[in-house]
Structure formats: structure tokens, C-alpha cells
Amino acid sequence: MAEEEVKLGSSKPMIATQQELVENRVPLPYRDQCAHLLIPLNKCRSAEFFLPWKCESERHTYEKCEYELVMERMLQMQKIRKEEGGAAPGQRRRHPAYSLPRQRLILFFPLLLRDGNQES
């Protein structure tokens, strides 16, 4: 089998230019591959006084685009974990303190003693 190379970033192209984003006052955290959908959504929201039942189609397309970006990043992370041999996403890792013997655990967490006696 040929090994697949994990590419970082999104496969979606950036459609809106930086100039358009600045002109439409899109905040920096929202300037991603879905920003071209946020511009008409924000214009619709302003025109409709932010009524929640207005601009549903624009909001749906924007949220779907964001969802696809998140899912793509999750798949990339799964591939990276698989290549590194790490834990699967569903498996929880135990805190390192819980793998210590009881004596050392008591040193770190003295309130874990049930009988109320503190050991020195």
C-alpha cells in the first residue's frame, strides 16, 4: 500500500480576498474558507435587524461550510494520530497521577485518605 501524506490546512480554496474582508469588517477569527458566505449573511442580518427567523438559507449555507471544515480537520487529526500510533479518538487517556503507587498518590493528593489520618 502506498502511504498517504497528511496535508495540513483545508482543501477548500479561499474565495474572498483580504480587501473584501476588510471592507465588510469581517473579524479576524472568522476569516477562513467560509468567509465568502459570512459577508452576505451579515448584510442580510443587518437589513433584517437580526431577526432569528430571517436569513435562514444564508445561515444554513454558512454553518454547513463551517461544519465541513471542522469535519475535515477532525479527519486530518485522525490520520495524524494513526500515523503516530497514538490513541484512538474515542479512547480516554488516564491522568499520569493515577498510574502511581498509592503511597505517591497520597503525597500528591492527601485528601484521598478515607480514614482521615495523614501519613508523613
Protein backbone atom coordinates (compact mmCIF):
# COMPACT_ATOMS: atom_id res chain seq x y z
CA MET A 1 0.00 0.00 0.00
CA ALA A 2 1.16 3.48 -0.76
CA GLU A 3 1.27 5.78 2.23
CA GLU A 4 -0.95 8.83 2.07
CA GLU A 5 0.64 12.09 3.02
CA VAL A 6 -1.36 14.09 5.54
CA LYS A 7 -1.74 17.64 4.30
CA LEU A 8 -2.35 20.34 6.85
CA GLY A 9 -4.86 23.08 6.15
CA SER A 10 -8.08 22.91 4.24
CA SER A 11 -8.67 21.63 0.74
CA LYS A 12 -11.22 24.41 0.19
CA PRO A 13 -9.85 27.49 -1.55
CA MET A 14 -10.09 30.95 -0.03
CA ILE A 15 -12.68 32.72 -2.18
CA ALA A 16 -12.99 36.13 -0.51
CA THR A 17 -9.98 38.41 -0.83
CA GLN A 18 -8.43 40.19 2.13
CA GLN A 19 -9.63 43.50 0.70
CA GLU A 20 -13.24 42.27 0.64
CA LEU A 21 -12.94 41.02 4.19
CA VAL A 22 -11.58 44.37 5.38
CA GLU A 23 -14.26 46.33 3.52
CA ASN A 24 -17.03 44.20 5.03
CA ARG A 25 -15.46 44.32 8.50
CA VAL A 26 -15.22 40.57 8.96
CA PRO A 27 -13.48 39.91 12.31
CA LEU A 28 -10.11 38.16 12.12
CA PRO A 29 -11.24 34.90 13.79
CA TYR A 30 -13.92 34.47 11.10
CA ARG A 31 -11.61 34.93 8.11
CA ASP A 32 -11.47 31.33 6.98
CA GLN A 33 -12.52 29.44 3.86
CA CYS A 34 -16.20 30.16 4.65
CA ALA A 35 -15.80 33.94 4.97
CA HIS A 36 -17.25 34.49 1.50
CA LEU A 37 -20.55 33.14 2.87
CA LEU A 38 -20.38 35.25 6.01
CA ILE A 39 -20.38 38.54 4.08
CA PRO A 40 -23.89 38.16 2.59
CA LEU A 41 -25.12 36.64 5.86
CA ASN A 42 -24.01 39.68 7.85
CA LYS A 43 -25.53 42.03 5.26
CA CYS A 44 -28.82 40.13 5.49
CA ARG A 45 -28.70 40.21 9.27
CA SER A 46 -28.20 43.99 9.26
CA ALA A 47 -31.01 44.54 6.78
CA GLU A 48 -33.42 42.32 8.73
CA PHE A 49 -32.50 43.72 12.18
CA PHE A 50 -31.04 40.37 13.31
CA LEU A 51 -34.43 38.65 13.44
CA PRO A 52 -33.72 34.94 14.05
CA TRP A 53 -36.26 33.65 11.51
CA LYS A 54 -34.80 35.77 8.71
CA CYS A 55 -31.71 34.88 6.63
CA GLU A 56 -32.14 31.16 7.30
CA SER A 57 -30.81 30.00 3.93
CA GLU A 58 -27.68 32.17 4.22
CA ARG A 59 -27.08 31.00 7.78
CA HIS A 60 -27.58 27.36 6.80
CA THR A 61 -25.04 27.53 3.96
CA TYR A 62 -22.51 29.29 6.20
CA GLU A 63 -22.95 26.81 9.08
CA LYS A 64 -22.72 23.85 6.68
CA CYS A 65 -19.45 25.20 5.31
CA GLU A 66 -18.07 25.62 8.84
CA TYR A 67 -19.21 22.10 9.75
CA GLU A 68 -17.42 20.67 6.72
CA LEU A 69 -14.21 22.48 7.72
CA VAL A 70 -14.42 21.06 11.25
CA MET A 71 -15.04 17.54 9.95
CA GLU A 72 -12.10 17.86 7.56
CA ARG A 73 -9.81 18.94 10.43
CA MET A 74 -11.03 16.01 12.54
CA LEU A 75 -10.24 13.55 9.75
CA GLN A 76 -6.78 15.07 9.36
CA MET A 77 -6.17 14.70 13.09
CA GLN A 78 -7.30 11.07 13.00
CA LYS A 79 -4.84 10.38 10.17
CA ILE A 80 -2.03 12.05 12.10
CA ARG A 81 -2.83 10.03 15.24
CA LYS A 82 -2.99 6.84 13.20
CA GLU A 83 0.42 7.54 11.63
CA GLU A 84 1.96 8.32 15.02
CA GLY A 85 0.37 5.26 16.60
CA GLY A 86 -1.44 7.32 19.24
CA ALA A 87 -4.68 6.55 20.97
CA ALA A 88 -7.89 6.45 19.02
CA PRO A 89 -10.11 9.50 19.44
CA GLY A 90 -12.71 7.54 21.42
CA GLN A 91 -10.21 6.26 23.97
CA ARG A 92 -9.52 8.34 27.06
CA ARG A 93 -6.05 8.61 28.43
CA ARG A 94 -5.58 8.21 32.15
CA HIS A 95 -4.01 11.00 34.13
CA PRO A 96 -0.38 10.13 34.96
CA ALA A 97 -1.04 10.51 38.70
CA TYR A 98 -3.47 7.59 38.67
CA SER A 99 -0.78 5.22 37.46
CA LEU A 100 1.39 5.96 40.53
CA PRO A 101 1.51 3.64 43.53
CA ARG A 102 -0.85 4.54 46.41
CA GLN A 103 1.93 6.00 48.57
CA ARG A 104 2.95 8.50 45.93
CA LEU A 105 -0.64 9.22 45.06
CA ILE A 106 -1.24 10.20 48.70
CA LEU A 107 1.72 12.58 48.55
CA PHE A 108 0.17 14.38 45.62
CA PHE A 109 -3.44 14.16 46.79
CA PRO A 110 -3.54 13.89 50.62
CA LEU A 111 -7.32 14.36 50.71
CA LEU A 112 -7.75 10.93 49.17
CA LEU A 113 -7.18 9.29 52.56
CA ARG A 114 -10.52 7.95 53.72
CA ASP A 115 -9.70 7.35 57.37
CA GLY A 116 -8.68 10.96 57.97
CA ASN A 117 -5.17 10.04 59.17
CA GLN A 118 -2.42 11.81 57.34
CA GLU A 119 0.70 9.85 56.65
CA SER A 120 4.03 11.59 56.72
